[in-house]
Amino acid sequence: MSKTKLNVNELEIVLYKQNEEEYISLTDMAKFKDSERTNYIIQNWMRTRNTIEFLGLWEQLKNPNFKRIEFDAFRNEAGSNSFTVLRD
């Protein structure tokens, strides 16, 4: 995996590249808002309906095994006060 660094608004953001696919560090981007609590910034971003809809579209384009029906139920909850993305 190769790494490239960008300077955006005086903040260093890392881009990773693996097998012609590029990935950007969300943690580095979150540092712009709050450098001490990036986890909260990302957690709140992951709760928004727009983010969930974007991820669903991404999965439709990139994942041939995407389960649309299961996703629809998940998407309907996005943005509500009780919605959280749980991790194992």
N, C-alpha and C. Protein backbone atom coordinates (compact mmCIF):
# COMPACT_ATOMS: atom_id res chain seq x y z
N MET A 1 0.85 -1.16 0.00
CA MET A 1 0.00 0.00 0.00
C MET A 1 0.91 1.23 0.00
N SER A 2 0.65 2.14 -0.93
CA SER A 2 1.43 3.38 -0.97
C SER A 2 0.65 4.50 -0.31
N LYS A 3 1.39 5.52 0.08
CA LYS A 3 0.80 6.62 0.83
C LYS A 3 1.25 7.94 0.22
N THR A 4 0.29 8.86 0.05
CA THR A 4 0.57 10.21 -0.43
C THR A 4 -0.05 11.18 0.56
N LYS A 5 0.60 12.31 0.77
CA LYS A 5 0.07 13.30 1.71
C LYS A 5 -0.34 14.56 0.96
N LEU A 6 -1.52 15.06 1.32
CA LEU A 6 -2.03 16.31 0.78
C LEU A 6 -2.05 17.36 1.88
N ASN A 7 -1.89 18.60 1.52
CA ASN A 7 -2.05 19.69 2.46
C ASN A 7 -3.31 20.46 2.08
N VAL A 8 -4.31 20.44 2.96
CA VAL A 8 -5.58 21.10 2.71
C VAL A 8 -5.88 22.00 3.91
N ASN A 9 -6.01 23.29 3.66
CA ASN A 9 -6.27 24.25 4.75
C ASN A 9 -5.30 24.07 5.91
N GLU A 10 -4.03 23.93 5.58
CA GLU A 10 -2.96 23.76 6.57
C GLU A 10 -3.10 22.48 7.40
N LEU A 11 -3.78 21.50 6.87
CA LEU A 11 -3.96 20.21 7.53
C LEU A 11 -3.47 19.12 6.60
N GLU A 12 -2.69 18.20 7.13
CA GLU A 12 -2.17 17.09 6.33
C GLU A 12 -3.19 15.95 6.28
N ILE A 13 -3.53 15.54 5.08
CA ILE A 13 -4.48 14.44 4.88
C ILE A 13 -3.78 13.36 4.05
N VAL A 14 -3.87 12.13 4.52
CA VAL A 14 -3.19 11.02 3.86
C VAL A 14 -4.13 10.32 2.89
N LEU A 15 -3.61 10.04 1.70
CA LEU A 15 -4.29 9.23 0.70
C LEU A 15 -3.53 7.91 0.59
N TYR A 16 -4.25 6.81 0.64
CA TYR A 16 -3.65 5.49 0.49
C TYR A 16 -4.04 4.93 -0.87
N LYS A 17 -3.14 4.18 -1.46
CA LYS A 17 -3.42 3.56 -2.75
C LYS A 17 -3.03 2.09 -2.68
N GLN A 18 -3.97 1.24 -3.09
CA GLN A 18 -3.72 -0.19 -3.11
C GLN A 18 -4.42 -0.78 -4.32
N ASN A 19 -3.66 -1.43 -5.18
CA ASN A 19 -4.22 -2.07 -6.37
C ASN A 19 -5.10 -1.12 -7.19
N GLU A 20 -4.60 0.04 -7.49
CA GLU A 20 -5.29 1.05 -8.30
C GLU A 20 -6.50 1.68 -7.62
N GLU A 21 -6.79 1.31 -6.38
CA GLU A 21 -7.88 1.92 -5.62
C GLU A 21 -7.29 2.92 -4.64
N GLU A 22 -7.94 4.09 -4.52
CA GLU A 22 -7.46 5.12 -3.61
C GLU A 22 -8.42 5.27 -2.43
N TYR A 23 -7.84 5.50 -1.26
CA TYR A 23 -8.60 5.67 -0.03
C TYR A 23 -8.10 6.93 0.66
N ILE A 24 -9.01 7.68 1.27
CA ILE A 24 -8.64 8.89 1.98
C ILE A 24 -8.90 8.69 3.47
N SER A 25 -8.05 9.24 4.29
CA SER A 25 -8.18 9.07 5.74
C SER A 25 -9.29 9.98 6.28
N LEU A 26 -10.36 9.36 6.74
CA LEU A 26 -11.45 10.13 7.35
C LEU A 26 -11.00 10.75 8.66
N THR A 27 -10.13 10.07 9.37
CA THR A 27 -9.62 10.61 10.63
C THR A 27 -8.87 11.91 10.39
N ASP A 28 -8.04 11.93 9.36
CA ASP A 28 -7.32 13.16 9.03
C ASP A 28 -8.29 14.28 8.67
N MET A 29 -9.34 13.96 7.93
CA MET A 29 -10.33 14.98 7.55
C MET A 29 -11.08 15.49 8.79
N ALA A 30 -11.39 14.59 9.71
CA ALA A 30 -12.12 14.97 10.93
C ALA A 30 -11.29 15.89 11.82
N LYS A 31 -9.96 15.81 11.71
CA LYS A 31 -9.09 16.67 12.52
C LYS A 31 -9.33 18.14 12.23
N PHE A 32 -9.81 18.46 11.05
CA PHE A 32 -10.11 19.85 10.70
C PHE A 32 -11.18 20.42 11.63
N LYS A 33 -12.16 19.61 11.99
CA LYS A 33 -13.26 20.05 12.85
C LYS A 33 -12.87 20.01 14.33
N ASP A 34 -12.22 18.92 14.76
CA ASP A 34 -11.84 18.76 16.17
C ASP A 34 -10.69 17.76 16.24
N SER A 35 -9.49 18.25 16.42
CA SER A 35 -8.32 17.37 16.38
C SER A 35 -8.22 16.42 17.57
N GLU A 36 -8.94 16.72 18.64
CA GLU A 36 -8.88 15.86 19.83
C GLU A 36 -9.95 14.77 19.85
N ARG A 37 -11.04 14.98 19.13
CA ARG A 37 -12.17 14.03 19.21
C ARG A 37 -12.64 13.60 17.83
N THR A 38 -11.71 13.13 17.03
CA THR A 38 -12.05 12.72 15.67
C THR A 38 -13.07 11.58 15.66
N ASN A 39 -13.03 10.73 16.67
CA ASN A 39 -13.97 9.61 16.71
C ASN A 39 -15.42 10.10 16.77
N TYR A 40 -15.69 11.18 17.51
CA TYR A 40 -17.05 11.72 17.59
C TYR A 40 -17.48 12.35 16.27
N ILE A 41 -16.54 13.00 15.61
CA ILE A 41 -16.86 13.62 14.32
C ILE A 41 -17.28 12.54 13.32
N ILE A 42 -16.51 11.47 13.24
CA ILE A 42 -16.81 10.38 12.30
C ILE A 42 -18.09 9.66 12.72
N GLN A 43 -18.27 9.42 14.00
CA GLN A 43 -19.49 8.76 14.49
C GLN A 43 -20.73 9.56 14.09
N ASN A 44 -20.70 10.87 14.27
CA ASN A 44 -21.85 11.70 13.90
C ASN A 44 -22.06 11.73 12.40
N TRP A 45 -20.98 11.78 11.66
CA TRP A 45 -21.07 11.76 10.19
C TRP A 45 -21.72 10.46 9.71
N MET A 46 -21.38 9.34 10.35
CA MET A 46 -21.91 8.04 9.94
C MET A 46 -23.40 7.89 10.25
N ARG A 47 -23.96 8.76 11.06
CA ARG A 47 -25.37 8.69 11.42
C ARG A 47 -26.28 9.42 10.45
N THR A 48 -25.72 10.29 9.61
CA THR A 48 -26.59 11.12 8.77
C THR A 48 -27.21 10.33 7.63
N ARG A 49 -28.38 10.70 7.27
CA ARG A 49 -29.09 10.02 6.18
C ARG A 49 -28.33 10.14 4.86
N ASN A 50 -27.76 11.31 4.59
CA ASN A 50 -27.01 11.49 3.35
C ASN A 50 -25.81 10.54 3.26
N THR A 51 -25.12 10.36 4.37
CA THR A 51 -23.98 9.44 4.38
C THR A 51 -24.44 8.02 4.12
N ILE A 52 -25.51 7.61 4.78
CA ILE A 52 -26.02 6.24 4.60
C ILE A 52 -26.48 6.04 3.16
N GLU A 53 -27.13 7.02 2.58
CA GLU A 53 -27.55 6.90 1.18
C GLU A 53 -26.35 6.82 0.24
N PHE A 54 -25.31 7.60 0.52
CA PHE A 54 -24.09 7.53 -0.28
C PHE A 54 -23.46 6.13 -0.18
N LEU A 55 -23.38 5.60 1.04
CA LEU A 55 -22.80 4.26 1.22
C LEU A 55 -23.63 3.20 0.50
N GLY A 56 -24.95 3.34 0.50
CA GLY A 56 -25.81 2.41 -0.22
C GLY A 56 -25.57 2.45 -1.71
N LEU A 57 -25.43 3.66 -2.25
CA LEU A 57 -25.13 3.80 -3.67
C LEU A 57 -23.77 3.19 -4.00
N TRP A 58 -22.79 3.45 -3.16
CA TRP A 58 -21.45 2.89 -3.35
C TRP A 58 -21.52 1.35 -3.39
N GLU A 59 -22.25 0.78 -2.46
CA GLU A 59 -22.39 -0.67 -2.41
C GLU A 59 -23.07 -1.21 -3.66
N GLN A 60 -24.10 -0.52 -4.14
CA GLN A 60 -24.77 -0.96 -5.37
C GLN A 60 -23.80 -1.01 -6.54
N LEU A 61 -22.92 -0.02 -6.60
CA LEU A 61 -21.97 0.05 -7.71
C LEU A 61 -20.81 -0.92 -7.58
N LYS A 62 -20.37 -1.18 -6.36
CA LYS A 62 -19.14 -1.93 -6.14
C LYS A 62 -19.33 -3.35 -5.60
N ASN A 63 -20.49 -3.66 -5.09
CA ASN A 63 -20.70 -4.94 -4.41
C ASN A 63 -21.79 -5.74 -5.12
N PRO A 64 -21.41 -6.77 -5.87
CA PRO A 64 -22.43 -7.58 -6.56
C PRO A 64 -23.33 -8.36 -5.60
N ASN A 65 -22.92 -8.51 -4.34
CA ASN A 65 -23.71 -9.25 -3.35
C ASN A 65 -24.49 -8.32 -2.41
N PHE A 66 -24.62 -7.07 -2.80
CA PHE A 66 -25.31 -6.09 -1.97
C PHE A 66 -26.76 -6.52 -1.74
N LYS A 67 -27.20 -6.45 -0.49
CA LYS A 67 -28.55 -6.87 -0.11
C LYS A 67 -29.44 -5.64 0.02
N ARG A 68 -30.07 -5.29 -1.06
CA ARG A 68 -30.85 -4.06 -1.17
C ARG A 68 -32.00 -4.01 -0.16
N ILE A 69 -32.72 -5.09 0.03
CA ILE A 69 -33.87 -5.10 0.94
C ILE A 69 -33.42 -4.84 2.37
N GLU A 70 -32.34 -5.49 2.80
CA GLU A 70 -31.82 -5.26 4.15
C GLU A 70 -31.35 -3.82 4.31
N PHE A 71 -30.74 -3.29 3.25
CA PHE A 71 -30.25 -1.91 3.30
C PHE A 71 -31.40 -0.92 3.42
N ASP A 72 -32.50 -1.14 2.74
CA ASP A 72 -33.64 -0.23 2.79
C ASP A 72 -34.15 -0.05 4.22
N ALA A 73 -34.22 -1.13 4.97
CA ALA A 73 -34.66 -1.04 6.36
C ALA A 73 -33.65 -0.23 7.18
N PHE A 74 -32.38 -0.45 6.94
CA PHE A 74 -31.31 0.28 7.62
C PHE A 74 -31.38 1.77 7.27
N ARG A 75 -31.53 2.08 6.00
CA ARG A 75 -31.59 3.47 5.53
C ARG A 75 -32.77 4.21 6.12
N ASN A 76 -33.90 3.54 6.29
CA ASN A 76 -35.09 4.19 6.83
C ASN A 76 -34.89 4.69 8.26
N GLU A 77 -33.98 4.07 9.00
CA GLU A 77 -33.70 4.48 10.37
C GLU A 77 -32.67 5.60 10.44
N ALA A 78 -31.89 5.79 9.40
CA ALA A 78 -30.80 6.77 9.39
C ALA A 78 -31.33 8.18 9.66
N GLY A 79 -30.60 8.91 10.48
CA GLY A 79 -30.96 10.28 10.77
C GLY A 79 -31.86 10.44 11.99
N SER A 80 -32.46 9.35 12.44
CA SER A 80 -33.30 9.45 13.63
C SER A 80 -32.40 9.56 14.87
N ASN A 81 -32.95 10.11 15.93
CA ASN A 81 -32.16 10.30 17.16
C ASN A 81 -31.63 9.00 17.74
N SER A 82 -32.34 7.91 17.55
CA SER A 82 -31.91 6.65 18.13
C SER A 82 -30.99 5.83 17.22
N PHE A 83 -30.75 6.30 16.02
CA PHE A 83 -29.95 5.54 15.05
C PHE A 83 -28.46 5.60 15.39
N THR A 84 -27.84 4.43 15.43
CA THR A 84 -26.39 4.34 15.58
C THR A 84 -25.88 3.22 14.69
N VAL A 85 -24.64 3.33 14.29
CA VAL A 85 -23.99 2.27 13.54
C VAL A 85 -23.17 1.49 14.56
N LEU A 86 -23.59 0.26 14.82
CA LEU A 86 -22.90 -0.56 15.82
C LEU A 86 -21.73 -1.30 15.18
N ARG A 87 -20.72 -1.51 15.97
CA ARG A 87 -19.59 -2.30 15.48
C ARG A 87 -19.38 -3.46 16.43
N ASP A 88 -18.88 -4.54 15.90
CA ASP A 88 -18.64 -5.74 16.72
C ASP A 88 -17.36 -5.64 17.49
